[in-house]
């Protein structure tokens, strides 16, 4: 009997074939795991970019609201100044008081 015939009939090649199949399966599982991890990482990056975009938009909205708020405070300060209030009261028909009489009320 030849050596080749003995190797083929006694399972040595079959063991090599089984180990090669096991190695191929492990390689496929490793590729699947790496692909899954890459997809999960890309999903995380996409979610992070979306959240950062929303935060940026909110910060821009907040700064615009701060500017509008300060403009309104300035407008309120101008409208409530004494000369403006006196001018508005004259426009509404009020007259300045020439003499002021005070009423004194006794203690109970």
PDB file of N, CA and C in Angstrom:
ATOM      1  N   UNK A   1       0.835  -1.176   0.000  1.00  0.00           N
ATOM      2  CA  UNK A   1       0.000   0.000   0.000  1.00  0.00           C
ATOM      3  C   UNK A   1       0.880   1.238   0.000  1.00  0.00           C
ATOM      4  N   UNK A   2       0.376   2.187  -0.747  1.00  0.00           N
ATOM      5  CA  UNK A   2       1.150   3.419  -0.837  1.00  0.00           C
ATOM      6  C   UNK A   2       0.775   4.354   0.304  1.00  0.00           C
ATOM      7  N   UNK A   3       1.641   5.306   0.516  1.00  0.00           N
ATOM      8  CA  UNK A   3       1.426   6.282   1.588  1.00  0.00           C
ATOM      9  C   UNK A   3       0.225   7.166   1.259  1.00  0.00           C
ATOM     10  N   UNK A   4       0.054   7.560   0.037  1.00  0.00           N
ATOM     11  CA  UNK A   4      -1.062   8.415  -0.365  1.00  0.00           C
ATOM     12  C   UNK A   4      -2.379   7.689  -0.121  1.00  0.00           C
ATOM     13  N   UNK A   5      -2.419   6.432  -0.460  1.00  0.00           N
ATOM     14  CA  UNK A   5      -3.649   5.666  -0.258  1.00  0.00           C
ATOM     15  C   UNK A   5      -3.977   5.573   1.223  1.00  0.00           C
ATOM     16  N   UNK A   6      -2.974   5.396   2.070  1.00  0.00           N
ATOM     17  CA  UNK A   6      -3.192   5.303   3.513  1.00  0.00           C
ATOM     18  C   UNK A   6      -3.679   6.648   4.068  1.00  0.00           C
ATOM     19  N   UNK A   7      -3.120   7.745   3.589  1.00  0.00           N
ATOM     20  CA  UNK A   7      -3.553   9.062   4.080  1.00  0.00           C
ATOM     21  C   UNK A   7      -4.998   9.323   3.701  1.00  0.00           C
ATOM     22  N   UNK A   8      -5.369   8.968   2.508  1.00  0.00           N
ATOM     23  CA  UNK A   8      -6.735   9.211   2.069  1.00  0.00           C
ATOM     24  C   UNK A   8      -7.729   8.302   2.756  1.00  0.00           C
ATOM     25  N   UNK A   9      -7.335   7.136   3.071  1.00  0.00           N
ATOM     26  CA  UNK A   9      -8.276   6.183   3.661  1.00  0.00           C
ATOM     27  C   UNK A   9      -8.294   6.246   5.179  1.00  0.00           C
ATOM     28  N   UNK A  10      -7.305   6.788   5.797  1.00  0.00           N
ATOM     29  CA  UNK A  10      -7.260   6.807   7.259  1.00  0.00           C
ATOM     30  C   UNK A  10      -7.631   8.160   7.863  1.00  0.00           C
ATOM     31  N   UNK A  11      -8.186   9.089   7.112  1.00  0.00           N
ATOM     32  CA  UNK A  11      -8.784  10.313   7.651  1.00  0.00           C
ATOM     33  C   UNK A  11      -7.858  11.484   7.859  1.00  0.00           C
ATOM     34  N   UNK A  12      -6.621  11.424   7.446  1.00  0.00           N
ATOM     35  CA  UNK A  12      -5.729  12.567   7.652  1.00  0.00           C
ATOM     36  C   UNK A  12      -6.201  13.753   6.811  1.00  0.00           C
ATOM     37  N   UNK A  13      -6.568  13.513   5.564  1.00  0.00           N
ATOM     38  CA  UNK A  13      -7.061  14.614   4.740  1.00  0.00           C
ATOM     39  C   UNK A  13      -8.411  15.101   5.236  1.00  0.00           C
ATOM     40  N   UNK A  14      -9.201  14.209   5.746  1.00  0.00           N
ATOM     41  CA  UNK A  14     -10.507  14.614   6.275  1.00  0.00           C
ATOM     42  C   UNK A  14     -10.319  15.565   7.453  1.00  0.00           C
ATOM     43  N   UNK A  15      -9.330  15.296   8.327  1.00  0.00           N
ATOM     44  CA  UNK A  15      -9.056  16.187   9.457  1.00  0.00           C
ATOM     45  C   UNK A  15      -8.564  17.548   8.953  1.00  0.00           C
ATOM     46  N   UNK A  16      -7.769  17.562   7.939  1.00  0.00           N
ATOM     47  CA  UNK A  16      -7.304  18.821   7.361  1.00  0.00           C
ATOM     48  C   UNK A  16      -8.479  19.593   6.773  1.00  0.00           C
ATOM     49  N   UNK A  17      -9.363  18.846   6.121  1.00  0.00           N
ATOM     50  CA  UNK A  17     -10.534  19.490   5.527  1.00  0.00           C
ATOM     51  C   UNK A  17     -11.456  20.042   6.613  1.00  0.00           C
ATOM     52  N   UNK A  18     -11.616  19.303   7.697  1.00  0.00           N
ATOM     53  CA  UNK A  18     -12.458  19.775   8.805  1.00  0.00           C
ATOM     54  C   UNK A  18     -11.837  21.001   9.469  1.00  0.00           C
ATOM     55  N   UNK A  19     -10.533  21.010   9.636  1.00  0.00           N
ATOM     56  CA  UNK A  19      -9.895  22.181  10.251  1.00  0.00           C
ATOM     57  C   UNK A  19      -9.968  23.385   9.311  1.00  0.00           C
ATOM     58  N   UNK A  20      -9.863  23.131   8.002  1.00  0.00           N
ATOM     59  CA  UNK A  20      -9.993  24.231   7.046  1.00  0.00           C
ATOM     60  C   UNK A  20     -11.417  24.788   7.070  1.00  0.00           C
ATOM     61  N   UNK A  21     -12.423  23.936   7.182  1.00  0.00           N
ATOM     62  CA  UNK A  21     -13.822  24.390   7.275  1.00  0.00           C
ATOM     63  C   UNK A  21     -14.043  25.172   8.567  1.00  0.00           C
ATOM     64  N   UNK A  22     -13.464  24.700   9.666  1.00  0.00           N
ATOM     65  CA  UNK A  22     -13.586  25.406  10.940  1.00  0.00           C
ATOM     66  C   UNK A  22     -12.940  26.780  10.841  1.00  0.00           C
ATOM     67  N   UNK A  23     -11.764  26.827  10.212  1.00  0.00           N
ATOM     68  CA  UNK A  23     -11.079  28.104  10.040  1.00  0.00           C
ATOM     69  C   UNK A  23     -11.901  29.045   9.157  1.00  0.00           C
ATOM     70  N   UNK A  24     -12.507  28.539   8.113  1.00  0.00           N
ATOM     71  CA  UNK A  24     -13.343  29.357   7.234  1.00  0.00           C
ATOM     72  C   UNK A  24     -14.572  29.872   7.985  1.00  0.00           C
ATOM     73  N   UNK A  25     -15.187  29.022   8.786  1.00  0.00           N
ATOM     74  CA  UNK A  25     -16.347  29.461   9.584  1.00  0.00           C
ATOM     75  C   UNK A  25     -15.960  30.543  10.583  1.00  0.00           C
ATOM     76  N   UNK A  26     -14.818  30.352  11.235  1.00  0.00           N
ATOM     77  CA  UNK A  26     -14.345  31.375  12.179  1.00  0.00           C
ATOM     78  C   UNK A  26     -14.070  32.692  11.459  1.00  0.00           C
ATOM     79  N   UNK A  27     -13.512  32.607  10.264  1.00  0.00           N
ATOM     80  CA  UNK A  27     -13.243  33.807   9.478  1.00  0.00           C
ATOM     81  C   UNK A  27     -14.544  34.509   9.103  1.00  0.00           C
ATOM     82  N   UNK A  28     -15.563  33.760   8.703  1.00  0.00           N
ATOM     83  CA  UNK A  28     -16.864  34.345   8.359  1.00  0.00           C
ATOM     84  C   UNK A  28     -17.506  34.975   9.593  1.00  0.00           C
ATOM     85  N   UNK A  29     -17.425  34.302  10.739  1.00  0.00           N
ATOM     86  CA  UNK A  29     -17.985  34.860  11.982  1.00  0.00           C
ATOM     87  C   UNK A  29     -17.245  36.139  12.360  1.00  0.00           C
ATOM     88  N   UNK A  30     -15.921  36.150  12.195  1.00  0.00           N
ATOM     89  CA  UNK A  30     -15.149  37.358  12.513  1.00  0.00           C
ATOM     90  C   UNK A  30     -15.539  38.510  11.589  1.00  0.00           C
ATOM     91  N   UNK A  31     -15.763  38.222  10.322  1.00  0.00           N
ATOM     92  CA  UNK A  31     -16.185  39.261   9.379  1.00  0.00           C
ATOM     93  C   UNK A  31     -17.568  39.781   9.752  1.00  0.00           C
ATOM     94  N   UNK A  32     -18.471  38.885  10.130  1.00  0.00           N
ATOM     95  CA  UNK A  32     -19.820  39.314  10.528  1.00  0.00           C
ATOM     96  C   UNK A  32     -19.758  40.180  11.772  1.00  0.00           C
ATOM     97  N   UNK A  33     -18.960  39.780  12.752  1.00  0.00           N
ATOM     98  CA  UNK A  33     -18.835  40.572  13.986  1.00  0.00           C
ATOM     99  C   UNK A  33     -18.217  41.941  13.684  1.00  0.00           C
ATOM    100  N   UNK A  34     -17.169  41.969  12.836  1.00  0.00           N
ATOM    101  CA  UNK A  34     -16.541  43.246  12.495  1.00  0.00           C
ATOM    102  C   UNK A  34     -17.507  44.151  11.738  1.00  0.00           C
ATOM    103  N   UNK A  35     -18.295  43.570  10.834  1.00  0.00           N
ATOM    104  CA  UNK A  35     -19.278  44.361  10.088  1.00  0.00           C
ATOM    105  C   UNK A  35     -20.356  44.907  11.014  1.00  0.00           C
ATOM    106  N   UNK A  36     -20.815  44.075  11.954  1.00  0.00           N
ATOM    107  CA  UNK A  36     -21.831  44.523  12.913  1.00  0.00           C
ATOM    108  C   UNK A  36     -21.295  45.650  13.795  1.00  0.00           C
ATOM    109  N   UNK A  37     -20.060  45.510  14.247  1.00  0.00           N
ATOM    110  CA  UNK A  37     -19.475  46.561  15.083  1.00  0.00           C
ATOM    111  C   UNK A  37     -19.276  47.849  14.292  1.00  0.00           C
ATOM    112  N   UNK A  38     -18.872  47.730  13.038  1.00  0.00           N
ATOM    113  CA  UNK A  38     -18.703  48.928  12.206  1.00  0.00           C
ATOM    114  C   UNK A  38     -20.040  49.614  11.962  1.00  0.00           C
ATOM    115  N   UNK A  39     -21.081  48.817  11.723  1.00  0.00           N
ATOM    116  CA  UNK A  39     -22.408  49.405  11.525  1.00  0.00           C
ATOM    117  C   UNK A  39     -22.900  50.087  12.791  1.00  0.00           C
ATOM    118  N   UNK A  40     -22.663  49.460  13.949  1.00  0.00           N
ATOM    119  CA  UNK A  40     -23.073  50.075  15.212  1.00  0.00           C
ATOM    120  C   UNK A  40     -22.309  51.375  15.454  1.00  0.00           C
ATOM    121  N   UNK A  41     -21.012  51.380  15.137  1.00  0.00           N
ATOM    122  CA  UNK A  41     -20.212  52.590  15.310  1.00  0.00           C
ATOM    123  C   UNK A  41     -20.701  53.706  14.389  1.00  0.00           C
ATOM    124  N   UNK A  42     -20.985  53.359  13.136  1.00  0.00           N
ATOM    125  CA  UNK A  42     -21.492  54.371  12.201  1.00  0.00           C
ATOM    126  C   UNK A  42     -22.851  54.902  12.640  1.00  0.00           C
ATOM    127  N   UNK A  43     -23.702  54.036  13.191  1.00  0.00           N
ATOM    128  CA  UNK A  43     -24.992  54.501  13.705  1.00  0.00           C
ATOM    129  C   UNK A  43     -24.790  55.451  14.874  1.00  0.00           C
ATOM    130  N   UNK A  44     -23.826  55.128  15.743  1.00  0.00           N
ATOM    131  CA  UNK A  44     -23.530  56.008  16.879  1.00  0.00           C
ATOM    132  C   UNK A  44     -22.988  57.351  16.406  1.00  0.00           C
ATOM    133  N   UNK A  45     -22.105  57.336  15.421  1.00  0.00           N
ATOM    134  CA  UNK A  45     -21.559  58.581  14.880  1.00  0.00           C
ATOM    135  C   UNK A  45     -22.665  59.415  14.240  1.00  0.00           C
ATOM    136  N   UNK A  46     -23.559  58.761  13.498  1.00  0.00           N
ATOM    137  CA  UNK A  46     -24.663  59.490  12.865  1.00  0.00           C
ATOM    138  C   UNK A  46     -25.580  60.113  13.918  1.00  0.00           C
ATOM    139  N   UNK A  47     -25.868  59.377  14.987  1.00  0.00           N
ATOM    140  CA  UNK A  47     -26.704  59.927  16.056  1.00  0.00           C
ATOM    141  C   UNK A  47     -26.000  61.095  16.741  1.00  0.00           C
ATOM    142  N   UNK A  48     -24.692  60.986  16.917  1.00  0.00           N
ATOM    143  CA  UNK A  48     -23.928  62.064  17.547  1.00  0.00           C
ATOM    144  C   UNK A  48     -23.923  63.316  16.675  1.00  0.00           C
ATOM    145  N   UNK A  49     -23.761  63.138  15.376  1.00  0.00           N
ATOM    146  CA  UNK A  49     -23.780  64.279  14.454  1.00  0.00           C
ATOM    147  C   UNK A  49     -25.156  64.935  14.450  1.00  0.00           C
ATOM    148  N   UNK A  50     -26.208  64.127  14.473  1.00  0.00           N
ATOM    149  CA  UNK A  50     -27.568  64.677  14.489  1.00  0.00           C
ATOM    150  C   UNK A  50     -27.807  65.467  15.778  1.00  0.00           C
ATOM    151  N   UNK A  51     -27.378  64.908  16.915  1.00  0.00           N
ATOM    152  CA  UNK A  51     -27.549  65.615  18.189  1.00  0.00           C
ATOM    153  C   UNK A  51     -26.739  66.914  18.208  1.00  0.00           C
ATOM    154  N   UNK A  52     -25.527  66.880  17.682  1.00  0.00           N
ATOM    155  CA  UNK A  52     -24.700  68.091  17.641  1.00  0.00           C
ATOM    156  C   UNK A  52     -25.340  69.152  16.754  1.00  0.00           C
ATOM    157  N   UNK A  53     -25.940  68.729  15.664  1.00  0.00           N
ATOM    158  CA  UNK A  53     -26.626  69.672  14.781  1.00  0.00           C
ATOM    159  C   UNK A  53     -27.811  70.318  15.495  1.00  0.00           C
ATOM    160  N   UNK A  54     -28.571  69.518  16.228  1.00  0.00           N
ATOM    161  CA  UNK A  54     -29.708  70.071  16.975  1.00  0.00           C
ATOM    162  C   UNK A  54     -29.241  71.027  18.059  1.00  0.00           C
ATOM    163  N   UNK A  55     -28.152  70.688  18.750  1.00  0.00           N
ATOM    164  CA  UNK A  55     -27.616  71.577  19.789  1.00  0.00           C
ATOM    165  C   UNK A  55     -27.159  72.891  19.169  1.00  0.00           C
ATOM    166  N   UNK A  56     -26.494  72.818  18.018  1.00  0.00           N
ATOM    167  CA  UNK A  56     -26.038  74.034  17.330  1.00  0.00           C
ATOM    168  C   UNK A  56     -27.220  74.915  16.955  1.00  0.00           C
ATOM    169  N   UNK A  57     -28.283  74.313  16.431  1.00  0.00           N
ATOM    170  CA  UNK A  57     -29.478  75.076  16.069  1.00  0.00           C
ATOM    171  C   UNK A  57     -30.103  75.718  17.300  1.00  0.00           C
ATOM    172  N   UNK A  58     -30.174  74.968  18.398  1.00  0.00           N
ATOM    173  CA  UNK A  58     -30.744  75.515  19.632  1.00  0.00           C
ATOM    174  C   UNK A  58     -29.897  76.659  20.178  1.00  0.00           C
ATOM    175  N   UNK A  59     -28.582  76.547  20.087  1.00  0.00           N
ATOM    176  CA  UNK A  59     -27.714  77.629  20.555  1.00  0.00           C
ATOM    177  C   UNK A  59     -27.906  78.884  19.711  1.00  0.00           C
ATOM    178  N   UNK A  60     -28.054  78.710  18.409  1.00  0.00           N
ATOM    179  CA  UNK A  60     -28.302  79.864  17.547  1.00  0.00           C
ATOM    180  C   UNK A  60     -29.648  80.502  17.884  1.00  0.00           C
ATOM    181  N   UNK A  61     -30.669  79.692  18.121  1.00  0.00           N
ATOM    182  CA  UNK A  61     -31.985  80.214  18.494  1.00  0.00           C
ATOM    183  C   UNK A  61     -31.903  80.949  19.824  1.00  0.00           C
ATOM    184  N   UNK A  62     -31.176  80.377  20.777  1.00  0.00           N
ATOM    185  CA  UNK A  62     -31.034  81.010  22.083  1.00  0.00           C
ATOM    186  C   UNK A  62     -30.326  82.356  21.982  1.00  0.00           C
ATOM    187  N   UNK A  63     -29.253  82.424  21.192  1.00  0.00           N
ATOM    188  CA  UNK A  63     -28.554  83.704  21.058  1.00  0.00           C
ATOM    189  C   UNK A  63     -29.436  84.746  20.369  1.00  0.00           C
ATOM    190  N   UNK A  64     -30.245  84.318  19.398  1.00  0.00           N
ATOM    191  CA  UNK A  64     -31.183  85.253  18.750  1.00  0.00           C
ATOM    192  C   UNK A  64     -32.222  85.752  19.748  1.00  0.00           C
ATOM    193  N   UNK A  65     -32.697  84.867  20.602  1.00  0.00           N
ATOM    194  CA  UNK A  65     -33.675  85.279  21.620  1.00  0.00           C
ATOM    195  C   UNK A  65     -33.048  86.229  22.630  1.00  0.00           C
ATOM    196  N   UNK A  66     -31.774  85.997  22.997  1.00  0.00           N
ATOM    197  CA  UNK A  66     -31.081  86.926  23.888  1.00  0.00           C
ATOM    198  C   UNK A  66     -30.988  88.312  23.252  1.00  0.00           C
ATOM    199  N   UNK A  67     -30.665  88.356  21.954  1.00  0.00           N
ATOM    200  CA  UNK A  67     -30.590  89.657  21.270  1.00  0.00           C
ATOM    201  C   UNK A  67     -31.944  90.354  21.260  1.00  0.00           C
ATOM    202  N   UNK A  68     -33.006  89.613  20.964  1.00  0.00           N
ATOM    203  CA  UNK A  68     -34.347  90.200  20.962  1.00  0.00           C
ATOM    204  C   UNK A  68     -34.739  90.667  22.363  1.00  0.00           C
ATOM    205  N   UNK A  69     -34.383  89.881  23.378  1.00  0.00           N
ATOM    206  CA  UNK A  69     -34.707  90.252  24.755  1.00  0.00           C
ATOM    207  C   UNK A  69     -34.009  91.552  25.150  1.00  0.00           C
ATOM    208  N   UNK A  70     -32.738  91.676  24.793  1.00  0.00           N
ATOM    209  CA  UNK A  70     -32.012  92.915  25.117  1.00  0.00           C
ATOM    210  C   UNK A  70     -32.591  94.107  24.359  1.00  0.00           C
ATOM    211  N   UNK A  71     -32.981  93.886  23.128  1.00  0.00           N
ATOM    212  CA  UNK A  71     -33.597  94.976  22.362  1.00  0.00           C
ATOM    213  C   UNK A  71     -34.909  95.408  23.013  1.00  0.00           C
ATOM    214  N   UNK A  72     -35.681  94.452  23.497  1.00  0.00           N
ATOM    215  CA  UNK A  72     -36.940  94.793  24.175  1.00  0.00           C
ATOM    216  C   UNK A  72     -36.689  95.523  25.491  1.00  0.00           C
ATOM    217  N   UNK A  73     -35.649  95.121  26.226  1.00  0.00           N
ATOM    218  CA  UNK A  73     -35.326  95.832  27.472  1.00  0.00           C
ATOM    219  C   UNK A  73     -34.928  97.282  27.175  1.00  0.00           C
ATOM    220  N   UNK A  74     -34.204  97.491  26.108  1.00  0.00           N
ATOM    221  CA  UNK A  74     -33.821  98.857  25.731  1.00  0.00           C
ATOM    222  C   UNK A  74     -35.057  99.658  25.340  1.00  0.00           C
ATOM    223  N   UNK A  75     -35.958  99.025  24.602  1.00  0.00           N
ATOM    224  CA  UNK A  75     -37.196  99.716  24.217  1.00  0.00           C
ATOM    225  C   UNK A  75     -38.058 100.042  25.434  1.00  0.00           C
ATOM    226  N   UNK A  76     -38.127  99.147  26.386  1.00  0.00           N
ATOM    227  CA  UNK A  76     -38.890  99.402  27.623  1.00  0.00           C
ATOM    228  C   UNK A  76     -38.251 100.553  28.392  1.00  0.00           C
ATOM    229  N   UNK A  77     -36.919 100.569  28.472  1.00  0.00           N
ATOM    230  CA  UNK A  77     -36.239 101.651  29.196  1.00  0.00           C
ATOM    231  C   UNK A  77     -36.496 103.010  28.533  1.00  0.00           C
ATOM    232  N   UNK A  78     -36.489 103.036  27.206  1.00  0.00           N
ATOM    233  CA  UNK A  78     -36.761 104.302  26.515  1.00  0.00           C
ATOM    234  C   UNK A  78     -38.211 104.735  26.706  1.00  0.00           C
ATOM    235  N   UNK A  79     -39.137 103.778  26.634  1.00  0.00           N
ATOM    236  CA  UNK A  79     -40.561 104.121  26.747  1.00  0.00           C
ATOM    237  C   UNK A  79     -40.944 104.516  28.166  1.00  0.00           C
ATOM    238  N   UNK A  80     -40.201 104.063  29.166  1.00  0.00           N
ATOM    239  CA  UNK A  80     -40.566 104.411  30.537  1.00  0.00           C
ATOM    240  C   UNK A  80     -39.719 105.538  31.116  1.00  0.00           C
ATOM    241  N   UNK A  81     -38.983 106.234  30.280  1.00  0.00           N
ATOM    242  CA  UNK A  81     -38.229 107.387  30.778  1.00  0.00           C
ATOM    243  C   UNK A  81     -39.197 108.544  31.056  1.00  0.00           C
ATOM    244  N   UNK A  82     -38.819 109.428  31.959  1.00  0.00           N
ATOM    245  CA  UNK A  82     -39.685 110.525  32.401  1.00  0.00           C
ATOM    246  C   UNK A  82     -40.079 111.448  31.248  1.00  0.00           C
ATOM    247  N   UNK A  83     -39.168 111.908  30.399  1.00  0.00           N
ATOM    248  CA  UNK A  83     -39.600 112.798  29.313  1.00  0.00           C
ATOM    249  C   UNK A  83     -40.598 112.130  28.364  1.00  0.00           C
ATOM    250  N   UNK A  84     -40.415 110.885  28.054  1.00  0.00           N
ATOM    251  CA  UNK A  84     -41.353 110.198  27.157  1.00  0.00           C
ATOM    252  C   UNK A  84     -42.706 110.059  27.827  1.00  0.00           C
ATOM    253  N   UNK A  85     -42.713 109.709  29.128  1.00  0.00           N
ATOM    254  CA  UNK A  85     -43.988 109.582  29.849  1.00  0.00           C
ATOM    255  C   UNK A  85     -44.714 110.932  29.933  1.00  0.00           C
ATOM    256  N   UNK A  86     -43.967 112.017  30.153  1.00  0.00           N
ATOM    257  CA  UNK A  86     -44.606 113.333  30.184  1.00  0.00           C
ATOM    258  C   UNK A  86     -45.195 113.690  28.818  1.00  0.00           C
ATOM    259  N   UNK A  87     -44.486 113.410  27.760  1.00  0.00           N
ATOM    260  CA  UNK A  87     -44.984 113.707  26.421  1.00  0.00           C
ATOM    261  C   UNK A  87     -46.231 112.880  26.107  1.00  0.00           C
ATOM    262  N   UNK A  88     -46.228 111.621  26.478  1.00  0.00           N
ATOM    263  CA  UNK A  88     -47.409 110.778  26.235  1.00  0.00           C
ATOM    264  C   UNK A  88     -48.612 111.242  27.055  1.00  0.00           C
ATOM    265  N   UNK A  89     -48.370 111.681  28.280  1.00  0.00           N
ATOM    266  CA  UNK A  89     -49.496 112.155  29.093  1.00  0.00           C
ATOM    267  C   UNK A  89     -50.107 113.425  28.499  1.00  0.00           C
ATOM    268  N   UNK A  90     -49.282 114.322  27.941  1.00  0.00           N
ATOM    269  CA  UNK A  90     -49.807 115.517  27.283  1.00  0.00           C
ATOM    270  C   UNK A  90     -50.592 115.117  26.043  1.00  0.00           C
ATOM    271  N   UNK A  91     -50.119 114.145  25.287  1.00  0.00           N
ATOM    272  CA  UNK A  91     -50.838 113.677  24.106  1.00  0.00           C
ATOM    273  C   UNK A  91     -52.184 113.051  24.476  1.00  0.00           C
ATOM    274  N   UNK A  92     -52.251 112.442  25.646  1.00  0.00           N
ATOM    275  CA  UNK A  92     -53.510 111.837  26.095  1.00  0.00           C
ATOM    276  C   UNK A  92     -54.462 112.864  26.718  1.00  0.00           C
ATOM    277  N   UNK A  93     -54.019 114.089  26.861  1.00  0.00           N
ATOM    278  CA  UNK A  93     -54.900 115.145  27.347  1.00  0.00           C
ATOM    279  C   UNK A  93     -54.743 115.480  28.816  1.00  0.00           C
ATOM    280  N   UNK A  94     -53.767 114.969  29.476  1.00  0.00           N
ATOM    281  CA  UNK A  94     -53.547 115.318  30.877  1.00  0.00           C
ATOM    282  C   UNK A  94     -52.816 116.651  30.961  1.00  0.00           C
ATOM    283  N   UNK A  95     -53.099 117.381  32.008  1.00  0.00           N
ATOM    284  CA  UNK A  95     -52.461 118.675  32.230  1.00  0.00           C
ATOM    285  C   UNK A  95     -51.529 118.568  33.422  1.00  0.00           C
ATOM    286  N   UNK A  96     -50.434 119.290  33.401  1.00  0.00           N
ATOM    287  CA  UNK A  96     -49.555 119.264  34.575  1.00  0.00           C
ATOM    288  C   UNK A  96     -50.251 119.953  35.763  1.00  0.00           C
ATOM    289  N   UNK A  97     -49.997 119.456  36.932  1.00  0.00           N
ATOM    290  CA  UNK A  97     -50.615 120.016  38.141  1.00  0.00           C
ATOM    291  C   UNK A  97     -49.911 121.333  38.491  1.00  0.00           C
ATOM    292  N   UNK A  98     -50.758 122.394  38.755  1.00  0.00           N
ATOM    293  CA  UNK A  98     -50.192 123.694  39.114  1.00  0.00           C
ATOM    294  C   UNK A  98     -50.037 123.810  40.623  1.00  0.00           C
ATOM    295  N   UNK A  99     -50.970 123.247  41.325  1.00  0.00           N
ATOM    296  CA  UNK A  99     -50.854 123.258  42.781  1.00  0.00           C
ATOM    297  C   UNK A  99     -51.287 121.878  43.281  1.00  0.00           C
ATOM    298  N   UNK A 100     -50.652 121.450  44.313  1.00  0.00           N
ATOM    299  CA  UNK A 100     -50.938 120.126  44.857  1.00  0.00           C
ATOM    300  C   UNK A 100     -51.465 120.316  46.263  1.00  0.00           C
ATOM    301  N   UNK A 101     -52.634 119.763  46.536  1.00  0.00           N
ATOM    302  CA  UNK A 101     -53.208 119.793  47.875  1.00  0.00           C
ATOM    303  C   UNK A 101     -53.097 118.395  48.462  1.00  0.00           C
ATOM    304  N   UNK A 102     -52.596 118.355  49.669  1.00  0.00           N
ATOM    305  CA  UNK A 102     -52.440 117.054  50.333  1.00  0.00           C
ATOM    306  C   UNK A 102     -53.544 116.903  51.346  1.00  0.00           C
ATOM    307  N   UNK A 103     -54.058 115.707  51.475  1.00  0.00           N
ATOM    308  CA  UNK A 103     -55.104 115.394  52.444  1.00  0.00           C
ATOM    309  C   UNK A 103     -54.443 114.641  53.576  1.00  0.00           C
ATOM    310  N   UNK A 104     -54.641 115.168  54.781  1.00  0.00           N
ATOM    311  CA  UNK A 104     -54.051 114.491  55.933  1.00  0.00           C
ATOM    312  C   UNK A 104     -55.118 113.717  56.638  1.00  0.00           C
ATOM    313  N   UNK A 105     -54.825 112.481  56.873  1.00  0.00           N
ATOM    314  CA  UNK A 105     -55.772 111.581  57.548  1.00  0.00           C
ATOM    315  C   UNK A 105     -55.198 111.262  58.908  1.00  0.00           C
ATOM    316  N   UNK A 106     -56.059 111.363  59.925  1.00  0.00           N
ATOM    317  CA  UNK A 106     -55.636 111.080  61.282  1.00  0.00           C
ATOM    318  C   UNK A 106     -55.494 109.583  61.504  1.00  0.00           C
ATOM    319  N   UNK A 107     -54.814 109.257  62.570  1.00  0.00           N
ATOM    320  CA  UNK A 107     -54.615 107.843  62.890  1.00  0.00           C
ATOM    321  C   UNK A 107     -55.888 107.273  63.505  1.00  0.00           C
ATOM    322  N   UNK A 108     -56.174 106.049  63.265  1.00  0.00           N
ATOM    323  CA  UNK A 108     -57.400 105.438  63.826  1.00  0.00           C
ATOM    324  C   UNK A 108     -57.290 105.176  65.307  1.00  0.00           C
TER     325      UNK A 108
END
